[in-house]
PDB file of all heavy atoms in Angstrom:
ATOM      1  N   ALA A   1     -85.008  62.333  95.136  1.00  0.00           N
ATOM      2  CA  ALA A   1     -85.446  60.923  94.864  1.00  0.00           C
ATOM      3  C   ALA A   1     -85.809  60.712  93.461  1.00  0.00           C
ATOM      4  O   ALA A   1     -85.674  59.532  92.849  1.00  0.00           O
ATOM      5  CB  ALA A   1     -86.510  60.506  95.772  1.00  0.00           C
ATOM      6  N   HIS A   2     -86.379  61.685  92.715  1.00  0.00           N
ATOM      7  CA  HIS A   2     -86.826  61.428  91.425  1.00  0.00           C
ATOM      8  C   HIS A   2     -85.587  61.277  90.436  1.00  0.00           C
ATOM      9  O   HIS A   2     -85.664  60.425  89.524  1.00  0.00           O
ATOM     10  CB  HIS A   2     -87.640  62.690  90.886  1.00  0.00           C
ATOM     11  CG  HIS A   2     -88.940  62.868  91.704  1.00  0.00           C
ATOM     12  ND1 HIS A   2     -88.925  63.596  92.835  1.00  0.00           N
ATOM     13  CD2 HIS A   2     -90.152  62.368  91.538  1.00  0.00           C
ATOM     14  CE1 HIS A   2     -90.170  63.678  93.269  1.00  0.00           C
ATOM     15  NE2 HIS A   2     -90.882  62.846  92.581  1.00  0.00           N
ATOM     16  N   SER A   3     -84.452  61.929  90.671  1.00  0.00           N
ATOM     17  CA  SER A   3     -83.348  61.763  89.954  1.00  0.00           C
ATOM     18  C   SER A   3     -82.638  60.354  90.198  1.00  0.00           C
ATOM     19  O   SER A   3     -82.016  59.714  89.436  1.00  0.00           O
ATOM     20  CB  SER A   3     -82.321  62.864  90.218  1.00  0.00           C
ATOM     21  OG  SER A   3     -82.758  64.084  89.614  1.00  0.00           O
ATOM     22  N   TRP A   4     -82.812  59.902  91.450  1.00  0.00           N
ATOM     23  CA  TRP A   4     -82.386  58.557  91.826  1.00  0.00           C
ATOM     24  C   TRP A   4     -83.167  57.526  91.073  1.00  0.00           C
ATOM     25  O   TRP A   4     -82.598  56.499  90.654  1.00  0.00           O
ATOM     26  CB  TRP A   4     -82.464  58.353  93.355  1.00  0.00           C
ATOM     27  CG  TRP A   4     -81.387  58.920  94.193  1.00  0.00           C
ATOM     28  CD1 TRP A   4     -81.180  60.305  94.315  1.00  0.00           C
ATOM     29  CD2 TRP A   4     -80.286  58.265  94.721  1.00  0.00           C
ATOM     30  NE1 TRP A   4     -80.015  60.519  95.120  1.00  0.00           N
ATOM     31  CE2 TRP A   4     -79.453  59.294  95.392  1.00  0.00           C
ATOM     32  CE3 TRP A   4     -79.882  56.940  94.869  1.00  0.00           C
ATOM     33  CZ2 TRP A   4     -78.301  59.034  96.121  1.00  0.00           C
ATOM     34  CZ3 TRP A   4     -78.818  56.638  95.677  1.00  0.00           C
ATOM     35  CH2 TRP A   4     -77.948  57.680  96.176  1.00  0.00           C
ATOM     36  N   LEU A   5     -84.398  57.714  90.781  1.00  0.00           N
ATOM     37  CA  LEU A   5     -85.285  56.919  89.941  1.00  0.00           C
ATOM     38  C   LEU A   5     -84.645  56.849  88.632  1.00  0.00           C
ATOM     39  O   LEU A   5     -84.490  55.752  87.968  1.00  0.00           O
ATOM     40  CB  LEU A   5     -86.684  57.332  89.875  1.00  0.00           C
ATOM     41  CG  LEU A   5     -87.615  56.716  88.883  1.00  0.00           C
ATOM     42  CD1 LEU A   5     -87.775  55.155  89.234  1.00  0.00           C
ATOM     43  CD2 LEU A   5     -88.987  57.335  88.816  1.00  0.00           C
ATOM     44  N   ASP A   6     -84.261  58.030  88.018  1.00  0.00           N
ATOM     45  CA  ASP A   6     -83.553  57.999  86.715  1.00  0.00           C
ATOM     46  C   ASP A   6     -82.386  57.196  86.661  1.00  0.00           C
ATOM     47  O   ASP A   6     -82.079  56.455  85.692  1.00  0.00           O
ATOM     48  CB  ASP A   6     -83.192  59.512  86.260  1.00  0.00           C
ATOM     49  CG  ASP A   6     -84.381  60.350  86.184  1.00  0.00           C
ATOM     50  OD1 ASP A   6     -85.586  59.876  86.056  1.00  0.00           O
ATOM     51  OD2 ASP A   6     -84.265  61.627  86.359  1.00  0.00           O
ATOM     52  N   LEU A   7     -81.517  57.299  87.752  1.00  0.00           N
ATOM     53  CA  LEU A   7     -80.342  56.454  87.854  1.00  0.00           C
ATOM     54  C   LEU A   7     -80.673  55.032  87.810  1.00  0.00           C
ATOM     55  O   LEU A   7     -80.076  54.153  87.112  1.00  0.00           O
ATOM     56  CB  LEU A   7     -79.589  56.805  89.058  1.00  0.00           C
ATOM     57  CG  LEU A   7     -78.418  55.874  89.430  1.00  0.00           C
ATOM     58  CD1 LEU A   7     -77.298  56.004  88.293  1.00  0.00           C
ATOM     59  CD2 LEU A   7     -77.689  56.348  90.731  1.00  0.00           C
ATOM     60  N   GLY A   8     -81.780  54.634  88.560  1.00  0.00           N
ATOM     61  CA  GLY A   8     -82.272  53.242  88.601  1.00  0.00           C
ATOM     62  C   GLY A   8     -82.653  52.671  87.148  1.00  0.00           C
ATOM     63  O   GLY A   8     -82.326  51.507  86.901  1.00  0.00           O
ATOM     64  N   LEU A   9     -83.251  53.576  86.427  1.00  0.00           N
ATOM     65  CA  LEU A   9     -83.606  53.171  85.097  1.00  0.00           C
ATOM     66  C   LEU A   9     -82.392  52.951  84.224  1.00  0.00           C
ATOM     67  O   LEU A   9     -82.358  51.943  83.407  1.00  0.00           O
ATOM     68  CB  LEU A   9     -84.497  54.301  84.416  1.00  0.00           C
ATOM     69  CG  LEU A   9     -85.872  54.543  85.096  1.00  0.00           C
ATOM     70  CD1 LEU A   9     -86.506  55.769  84.465  1.00  0.00           C
ATOM     71  CD2 LEU A   9     -86.780  53.280  84.842  1.00  0.00           C
ATOM     72  N   PHE A  10     -81.420  53.790  84.399  1.00  0.00           N
ATOM     73  CA  PHE A  10     -80.137  53.620  83.613  1.00  0.00           C
ATOM     74  C   PHE A  10     -79.493  52.305  84.016  1.00  0.00           C
ATOM     75  O   PHE A  10     -79.013  51.526  83.182  1.00  0.00           O
ATOM     76  CB  PHE A  10     -79.204  54.842  83.920  1.00  0.00           C
ATOM     77  CG  PHE A  10     -77.818  54.682  83.346  1.00  0.00           C
ATOM     78  CD1 PHE A  10     -77.694  54.733  81.981  1.00  0.00           C
ATOM     79  CD2 PHE A  10     -76.797  54.322  84.106  1.00  0.00           C
ATOM     80  CE1 PHE A  10     -76.347  54.602  81.438  1.00  0.00           C
ATOM     81  CE2 PHE A  10     -75.536  54.181  83.636  1.00  0.00           C
ATOM     82  CZ  PHE A  10     -75.317  54.336  82.312  1.00  0.00           C
ATOM     83  N   VAL A  11     -79.422  52.072  85.392  1.00  0.00           N
ATOM     84  CA  VAL A  11     -78.737  50.825  85.902  1.00  0.00           C
ATOM     85  C   VAL A  11     -79.480  49.515  85.343  1.00  0.00           C
ATOM     86  O   VAL A  11     -78.856  48.580  84.852  1.00  0.00           O
ATOM     87  CB  VAL A  11     -78.822  50.759  87.375  1.00  0.00           C
ATOM     88  CG1 VAL A  11     -78.323  49.381  87.978  1.00  0.00           C
ATOM     89  CG2 VAL A  11     -77.911  51.837  87.928  1.00  0.00           C
ATOM     90  N   GLN A  12     -80.820  49.568  85.216  1.00  0.00           N
ATOM     91  CA  GLN A  12     -81.528  48.493  84.703  1.00  0.00           C
ATOM     92  C   GLN A  12     -81.242  48.265  83.161  1.00  0.00           C
ATOM     93  O   GLN A  12     -81.042  47.202  82.738  1.00  0.00           O
ATOM     94  CB  GLN A  12     -83.061  48.682  84.873  1.00  0.00           C
ATOM     95  CG  GLN A  12     -83.904  47.654  84.223  1.00  0.00           C
ATOM     96  CD  GLN A  12     -83.907  46.271  84.927  1.00  0.00           C
ATOM     97  OE1 GLN A  12     -83.283  46.116  85.911  1.00  0.00           O
ATOM     98  NE2 GLN A  12     -84.724  45.378  84.388  1.00  0.00           N
ATOM     99  N   ASN A  13     -81.150  49.465  82.440  1.00  0.00           N
ATOM    100  CA  ASN A  13     -80.708  49.432  81.022  1.00  0.00           C
ATOM    101  C   ASN A  13     -79.413  48.837  80.782  1.00  0.00           C
ATOM    102  O   ASN A  13     -79.184  47.944  79.868  1.00  0.00           O
ATOM    103  CB  ASN A  13     -80.754  50.768  80.399  1.00  0.00           C
ATOM    104  CG  ASN A  13     -82.015  51.188  79.920  1.00  0.00           C
ATOM    105  OD1 ASN A  13     -83.103  50.504  80.013  1.00  0.00           O
ATOM    106  ND2 ASN A  13     -82.060  52.218  79.056  1.00  0.00           N
ATOM    107  N   VAL A  14     -78.424  49.034  81.764  1.00  0.00           N
ATOM    108  CA  VAL A  14     -77.103  48.357  81.709  1.00  0.00           C
ATOM    109  C   VAL A  14     -77.249  46.873  81.729  1.00  0.00           C
ATOM    110  O   VAL A  14     -76.699  46.157  80.955  1.00  0.00           O
ATOM    111  CB  VAL A  14     -76.173  48.915  82.808  1.00  0.00           C
ATOM    112  CG1 VAL A  14     -74.872  48.062  82.746  1.00  0.00           C
ATOM    113  CG2 VAL A  14     -75.914  50.401  82.549  1.00  0.00           C
ATOM    114  N   MET A  15     -78.055  46.350  82.707  1.00  0.00           N
ATOM    115  CA  MET A  15     -78.279  44.926  82.876  1.00  0.00           C
ATOM    116  C   MET A  15     -78.892  44.399  81.631  1.00  0.00           C
ATOM    117  O   MET A  15     -78.511  43.254  81.106  1.00  0.00           O
ATOM    118  CB  MET A  15     -79.022  44.636  84.106  1.00  0.00           C
ATOM    119  CG  MET A  15     -78.261  44.971  85.429  1.00  0.00           C
ATOM    120  SD  MET A  15     -79.072  44.456  86.872  1.00  0.00           S
ATOM    121  CE  MET A  15     -80.445  45.646  86.962  1.00  0.00           C
ATOM    122  N   ILE A  16     -79.894  45.022  81.020  1.00  0.00           N
ATOM    123  CA  ILE A  16     -80.665  44.549  79.869  1.00  0.00           C
ATOM    124  C   ILE A  16     -79.637  44.476  78.673  1.00  0.00           C
ATOM    125  O   ILE A  16     -79.563  43.500  77.960  1.00  0.00           O
ATOM    126  CB  ILE A  16     -81.826  45.388  79.489  1.00  0.00           C
ATOM    127  CG1 ILE A  16     -82.830  45.261  80.611  1.00  0.00           C
ATOM    128  CG2 ILE A  16     -82.454  44.922  78.145  1.00  0.00           C
ATOM    129  CD1 ILE A  16     -83.963  46.273  80.504  1.00  0.00           C
ATOM    130  N   ALA A  17     -78.888  45.602  78.372  1.00  0.00           N
ATOM    131  CA  ALA A  17     -77.987  45.580  77.311  1.00  0.00           C
ATOM    132  C   ALA A  17     -76.841  44.587  77.498  1.00  0.00           C
ATOM    133  O   ALA A  17     -76.467  43.996  76.480  1.00  0.00           O
ATOM    134  CB  ALA A  17     -77.347  47.082  77.253  1.00  0.00           C
ATOM    135  N   ALA A  18     -76.381  44.306  78.734  1.00  0.00           N
ATOM    136  CA  ALA A  18     -75.328  43.229  78.848  1.00  0.00           C
ATOM    137  C   ALA A  18     -76.092  41.905  78.715  1.00  0.00           C
ATOM    138  O   ALA A  18     -75.359  41.063  77.922  1.00  0.00           O
ATOM    139  CB  ALA A  18     -74.815  43.389  80.394  1.00  0.00           C
ATOM    140  N   GLY A  19     -77.183  41.663  79.203  1.00  0.00           N
ATOM    141  CA  GLY A  19     -77.868  40.377  79.095  1.00  0.00           C
ATOM    142  C   GLY A  19     -78.068  40.044  77.626  1.00  0.00           C
ATOM    143  O   GLY A  19     -77.922  38.902  77.120  1.00  0.00           O
ATOM    144  N   ALA A  20     -78.403  41.001  76.707  1.00  0.00           N
ATOM    145  CA  ALA A  20     -78.656  40.783  75.374  1.00  0.00           C
ATOM    146  C   ALA A  20     -77.392  40.323  74.674  1.00  0.00           C
ATOM    147  O   ALA A  20     -77.443  39.738  73.565  1.00  0.00           O
ATOM    148  CB  ALA A  20     -79.166  42.107  74.656  1.00  0.00           C
ATOM    149  N   ARG A  21     -76.231  40.609  75.207  1.00  0.00           N
ATOM    150  CA  ARG A  21     -74.890  40.221  74.653  1.00  0.00           C
ATOM    151  C   ARG A  21     -74.377  38.895  75.377  1.00  0.00           C
ATOM    152  O   ARG A  21     -73.273  38.518  75.186  1.00  0.00           O
ATOM    153  CB  ARG A  21     -74.000  41.350  74.805  1.00  0.00           C
ATOM    154  CG  ARG A  21     -74.300  42.511  73.903  1.00  0.00           C
ATOM    155  CD  ARG A  21     -73.576  43.792  74.284  1.00  0.00           C
ATOM    156  NE  ARG A  21     -73.693  44.864  73.407  1.00  0.00           N
ATOM    157  CZ  ARG A  21     -74.723  45.666  73.334  1.00  0.00           C
ATOM    158  NH1 ARG A  21     -75.740  45.453  74.067  1.00  0.00           N
ATOM    159  NH2 ARG A  21     -74.859  46.574  72.359  1.00  0.00           N
ATOM    160  N   GLY A  22     -75.135  38.279  76.164  1.00  0.00           N
ATOM    161  CA  GLY A  22     -74.777  37.101  76.895  1.00  0.00           C
ATOM    162  C   GLY A  22     -73.838  37.316  78.065  1.00  0.00           C
ATOM    163  O   GLY A  22     -73.216  36.448  78.507  1.00  0.00           O
ATOM    164  N   ILE A  23     -73.886  38.596  78.514  1.00  0.00           N
ATOM    165  CA  ILE A  23     -72.970  38.935  79.645  1.00  0.00           C
ATOM    166  C   ILE A  23     -73.868  39.091  80.942  1.00  0.00           C
ATOM    167  O   ILE A  23     -74.827  39.716  80.904  1.00  0.00           O
ATOM    168  CB  ILE A  23     -72.262  40.301  79.425  1.00  0.00           C
ATOM    169  CG1 ILE A  23     -71.351  40.127  78.165  1.00  0.00           C
ATOM    170  CG2 ILE A  23     -71.492  40.795  80.584  1.00  0.00           C
ATOM    171  CD1 ILE A  23     -70.704  41.369  77.616  1.00  0.00           C
ATOM    172  N   ALA A  24     -73.402  38.479  81.944  1.00  0.00           N
ATOM    173  CA  ALA A  24     -74.133  38.423  83.287  1.00  0.00           C
ATOM    174  C   ALA A  24     -73.712  39.595  84.081  1.00  0.00           C
ATOM    175  O   ALA A  24     -72.723  40.245  83.985  1.00  0.00           O
ATOM    176  CB  ALA A  24     -73.839  37.162  84.039  1.00  0.00           C
ATOM    177  N   THR A  25     -74.695  39.963  85.013  1.00  0.00           N
ATOM    178  CA  THR A  25     -74.377  41.026  85.904  1.00  0.00           C
ATOM    179  C   THR A  25     -74.987  40.840  87.363  1.00  0.00           C
ATOM    180  O   THR A  25     -75.709  39.856  87.404  1.00  0.00           O
ATOM    181  CB  THR A  25     -75.137  42.372  85.375  1.00  0.00           C
ATOM    182  OG1 THR A  25     -76.485  42.070  85.169  1.00  0.00           O
ATOM    183  CG2 THR A  25     -74.532  42.859  84.087  1.00  0.00           C
TER     184      THR A  25
END
């Protein structure tokens, strides 16, 4: 589960980086 948490942090980063470029997710 701890590694799944790491994956979740990465997924959230994807959404933030996309949003900063005006791209929706």
